[in-house]
């Protein structure tokens, strides 16, 4: 069973930075797709950034220019560097990975940006 574990969330002031990390275990195959979603209170879960087949990177409009997603070659790990954080970025951030038709999710890590 694939498990994804996030780390790096926390409390930061407006304008600050945080780096989230996620590592997957339980499979010997490399996940072609790994990325991040977030969910704020009372809102739907939304895409933040995704790496597809290590060649394509997609960002949500709100993430462009502020967030950077990276993957280590040949590893089931992904990071999200977030800068210029705003209170609107407060949410639970979830890591996910796709292997074949199966999607697996982490438990989420809380990011809180104070004004």
C-alpha atoms as a PDB file:
ATOM      1  CA  UNK A   1       0.000   0.000   0.000  1.00  0.00           C
ATOM      2  CA  UNK A   2       1.372   3.364  -1.031  1.00  0.00           C
ATOM      3  CA  UNK A   3       1.718   5.940   1.714  1.00  0.00           C
ATOM      4  CA  UNK A   4       2.556   9.612   1.291  1.00  0.00           C
ATOM      5  CA  UNK A   5       3.775  11.697   4.182  1.00  0.00           C
ATOM      6  CA  UNK A   6       4.013  15.480   4.116  1.00  0.00           C
ATOM      7  CA  UNK A   7       6.137  17.707   6.293  1.00  0.00           C
ATOM      8  CA  UNK A   8       7.065  21.349   6.577  1.00  0.00           C
ATOM      9  CA  UNK A   9       3.797  23.100   7.285  1.00  0.00           C
ATOM     10  CA  UNK A  10       3.425  25.669  10.008  1.00  0.00           C
ATOM     11  CA  UNK A  11       2.695  29.260  10.912  1.00  0.00           C
ATOM     12  CA  UNK A  12       4.328  32.096   8.992  1.00  0.00           C
ATOM     13  CA  UNK A  13       3.767  35.825   8.669  1.00  0.00           C
ATOM     14  CA  UNK A  14       2.587  37.518   5.507  1.00  0.00           C
ATOM     15  CA  UNK A  15       5.437  37.716   3.035  1.00  0.00           C
ATOM     16  CA  UNK A  16       7.220  34.745   4.543  1.00  0.00           C
ATOM     17  CA  UNK A  17       8.264  31.447   3.028  1.00  0.00           C
ATOM     18  CA  UNK A  18       7.736  27.782   3.718  1.00  0.00           C
ATOM     19  CA  UNK A  19       8.962  24.609   2.119  1.00  0.00           C
ATOM     20  CA  UNK A  20       6.759  21.540   2.071  1.00  0.00           C
ATOM     21  CA  UNK A  21       8.125  18.079   1.428  1.00  0.00           C
ATOM     22  CA  UNK A  22       6.436  14.797   0.612  1.00  0.00           C
ATOM     23  CA  UNK A  23       7.812  11.298   0.388  1.00  0.00           C
ATOM     24  CA  UNK A  24       5.997   8.192  -0.798  1.00  0.00           C
ATOM     25  CA  UNK A  25       6.684   4.654   0.312  1.00  0.00           C
ATOM     26  CA  UNK A  26       5.196   1.250  -0.301  1.00  0.00           C
ATOM     27  CA  UNK A  27       5.984   0.893  -3.994  1.00  0.00           C
ATOM     28  CA  UNK A  28       9.096   0.102  -5.992  1.00  0.00           C
ATOM     29  CA  UNK A  29       7.725   1.952  -9.015  1.00  0.00           C
ATOM     30  CA  UNK A  30       8.342   5.614  -9.692  1.00  0.00           C
ATOM     31  CA  UNK A  31       5.141   7.624  -9.713  1.00  0.00           C
ATOM     32  CA  UNK A  32       4.906   9.494 -13.029  1.00  0.00           C
ATOM     33  CA  UNK A  33       2.831  12.242 -11.481  1.00  0.00           C
ATOM     34  CA  UNK A  34       3.221  13.921  -8.114  1.00  0.00           C
ATOM     35  CA  UNK A  35       1.858  17.211  -6.962  1.00  0.00           C
ATOM     36  CA  UNK A  36       0.119  19.341  -4.391  1.00  0.00           C
ATOM     37  CA  UNK A  37      -3.453  20.357  -3.723  1.00  0.00           C
ATOM     38  CA  UNK A  38      -4.784  22.553  -0.959  1.00  0.00           C
ATOM     39  CA  UNK A  39      -8.071  23.024   0.815  1.00  0.00           C
ATOM     40  CA  UNK A  40      -9.039  26.099   2.761  1.00  0.00           C
ATOM     41  CA  UNK A  41     -11.880  26.074   5.310  1.00  0.00           C
ATOM     42  CA  UNK A  42     -15.242  26.083   3.557  1.00  0.00           C
ATOM     43  CA  UNK A  43     -13.681  25.739   0.118  1.00  0.00           C
ATOM     44  CA  UNK A  44     -13.116  22.920  -2.328  1.00  0.00           C
ATOM     45  CA  UNK A  45      -9.774  21.268  -2.718  1.00  0.00           C
ATOM     46  CA  UNK A  46      -7.805  22.937  -5.491  1.00  0.00           C
ATOM     47  CA  UNK A  47      -4.680  22.177  -7.473  1.00  0.00           C
ATOM     48  CA  UNK A  48      -1.545  24.060  -6.470  1.00  0.00           C
ATOM     49  CA  UNK A  49       1.147  22.510  -8.654  1.00  0.00           C
ATOM     50  CA  UNK A  50       1.936  19.219 -10.338  1.00  0.00           C
ATOM     51  CA  UNK A  51       4.886  17.508 -12.008  1.00  0.00           C
ATOM     52  CA  UNK A  52       3.877  15.131 -14.794  1.00  0.00           C
ATOM     53  CA  UNK A  53       6.394  12.596 -16.118  1.00  0.00           C
ATOM     54  CA  UNK A  54       9.214  14.865 -14.914  1.00  0.00           C
ATOM     55  CA  UNK A  55       8.855  16.930 -18.081  1.00  0.00           C
ATOM     56  CA  UNK A  56       5.731  18.963 -17.563  1.00  0.00           C
ATOM     57  CA  UNK A  57       4.945  21.311 -14.703  1.00  0.00           C
ATOM     58  CA  UNK A  58       1.607  22.978 -14.138  1.00  0.00           C
ATOM     59  CA  UNK A  59       0.815  25.682 -11.605  1.00  0.00           C
ATOM     60  CA  UNK A  60      -2.418  27.246 -10.495  1.00  0.00           C
ATOM     61  CA  UNK A  61      -2.574  30.924 -11.380  1.00  0.00           C
ATOM     62  CA  UNK A  62      -2.225  31.920  -7.726  1.00  0.00           C
ATOM     63  CA  UNK A  63       0.971  29.870  -7.460  1.00  0.00           C
ATOM     64  CA  UNK A  64       2.773  31.177 -10.522  1.00  0.00           C
ATOM     65  CA  UNK A  65       5.783  33.269  -9.638  1.00  0.00           C
ATOM     66  CA  UNK A  66       5.550  32.464  -5.927  1.00  0.00           C
ATOM     67  CA  UNK A  67       5.605  28.673  -5.608  1.00  0.00           C
ATOM     68  CA  UNK A  68       8.073  26.194  -7.067  1.00  0.00           C
ATOM     69  CA  UNK A  69       7.532  22.455  -7.276  1.00  0.00           C
ATOM     70  CA  UNK A  70      10.514  20.154  -7.550  1.00  0.00           C
ATOM     71  CA  UNK A  71      11.099  16.414  -7.761  1.00  0.00           C
ATOM     72  CA  UNK A  72      14.227  14.445  -7.143  1.00  0.00           C
ATOM     73  CA  UNK A  73      15.147  12.270 -10.109  1.00  0.00           C
ATOM     74  CA  UNK A  74      14.001   8.673  -9.802  1.00  0.00           C
ATOM     75  CA  UNK A  75      12.514   9.183  -6.368  1.00  0.00           C
ATOM     76  CA  UNK A  76       8.964   9.293  -5.138  1.00  0.00           C
ATOM     77  CA  UNK A  77       9.379  12.622  -3.447  1.00  0.00           C
ATOM     78  CA  UNK A  78       8.209  16.106  -4.228  1.00  0.00           C
ATOM     79  CA  UNK A  79       8.721  19.495  -2.631  1.00  0.00           C
ATOM     80  CA  UNK A  80       6.886  22.781  -2.776  1.00  0.00           C
ATOM     81  CA  UNK A  81       8.775  25.981  -2.073  1.00  0.00           C
ATOM     82  CA  UNK A  82       6.335  28.759  -1.233  1.00  0.00           C
ATOM     83  CA  UNK A  83       7.354  32.402  -1.065  1.00  0.00           C
ATOM     84  CA  UNK A  84       5.545  35.715  -0.619  1.00  0.00           C
ATOM     85  CA  UNK A  85       2.857  33.937   1.337  1.00  0.00           C
ATOM     86  CA  UNK A  86      -0.447  35.674   1.937  1.00  0.00           C
ATOM     87  CA  UNK A  87      -3.282  34.982   4.388  1.00  0.00           C
ATOM     88  CA  UNK A  88      -5.260  33.629   1.423  1.00  0.00           C
ATOM     89  CA  UNK A  89      -2.717  30.799   1.188  1.00  0.00           C
ATOM     90  CA  UNK A  90      -3.865  29.462   4.561  1.00  0.00           C
ATOM     91  CA  UNK A  91      -5.040  25.907   3.954  1.00  0.00           C
ATOM     92  CA  UNK A  92      -4.280  22.267   4.462  1.00  0.00           C
ATOM     93  CA  UNK A  93      -1.830  21.236   1.767  1.00  0.00           C
ATOM     94  CA  UNK A  94      -2.060  17.697   0.436  1.00  0.00           C
ATOM     95  CA  UNK A  95       0.549  15.782  -1.496  1.00  0.00           C
ATOM     96  CA  UNK A  96      -0.639  13.282  -4.068  1.00  0.00           C
ATOM     97  CA  UNK A  97       0.852  10.787  -6.454  1.00  0.00           C
ATOM     98  CA  UNK A  98      -0.459   8.824  -9.394  1.00  0.00           C
ATOM     99  CA  UNK A  99       0.654   5.328 -10.340  1.00  0.00           C
ATOM    100  CA  UNK A 100      -1.316   3.840 -13.206  1.00  0.00           C
ATOM    101  CA  UNK A 101      -4.946   4.605 -12.512  1.00  0.00           C
ATOM    102  CA  UNK A 102      -4.456   4.853  -8.769  1.00  0.00           C
ATOM    103  CA  UNK A 103      -4.189   8.135  -6.912  1.00  0.00           C
ATOM    104  CA  UNK A 104      -2.801   8.239  -3.397  1.00  0.00           C
ATOM    105  CA  UNK A 105      -2.963  11.125  -0.948  1.00  0.00           C
ATOM    106  CA  UNK A 106      -1.066  12.242   2.084  1.00  0.00           C
ATOM    107  CA  UNK A 107      -2.738  13.187   5.311  1.00  0.00           C
ATOM    108  CA  UNK A 108      -2.182  16.887   4.744  1.00  0.00           C
ATOM    109  CA  UNK A 109      -0.110  19.542   6.441  1.00  0.00           C
ATOM    110  CA  UNK A 110      -1.484  22.814   7.780  1.00  0.00           C
ATOM    111  CA  UNK A 111      -0.120  26.091   6.466  1.00  0.00           C
ATOM    112  CA  UNK A 112      -1.258  29.214   8.282  1.00  0.00           C
ATOM    113  CA  UNK A 113      -0.277  32.681   7.145  1.00  0.00           C
ATOM    114  CA  UNK A 114      -0.894  35.443   9.646  1.00  0.00           C
ATOM    115  CA  UNK A 115      -1.552  39.028   8.617  1.00  0.00           C
END
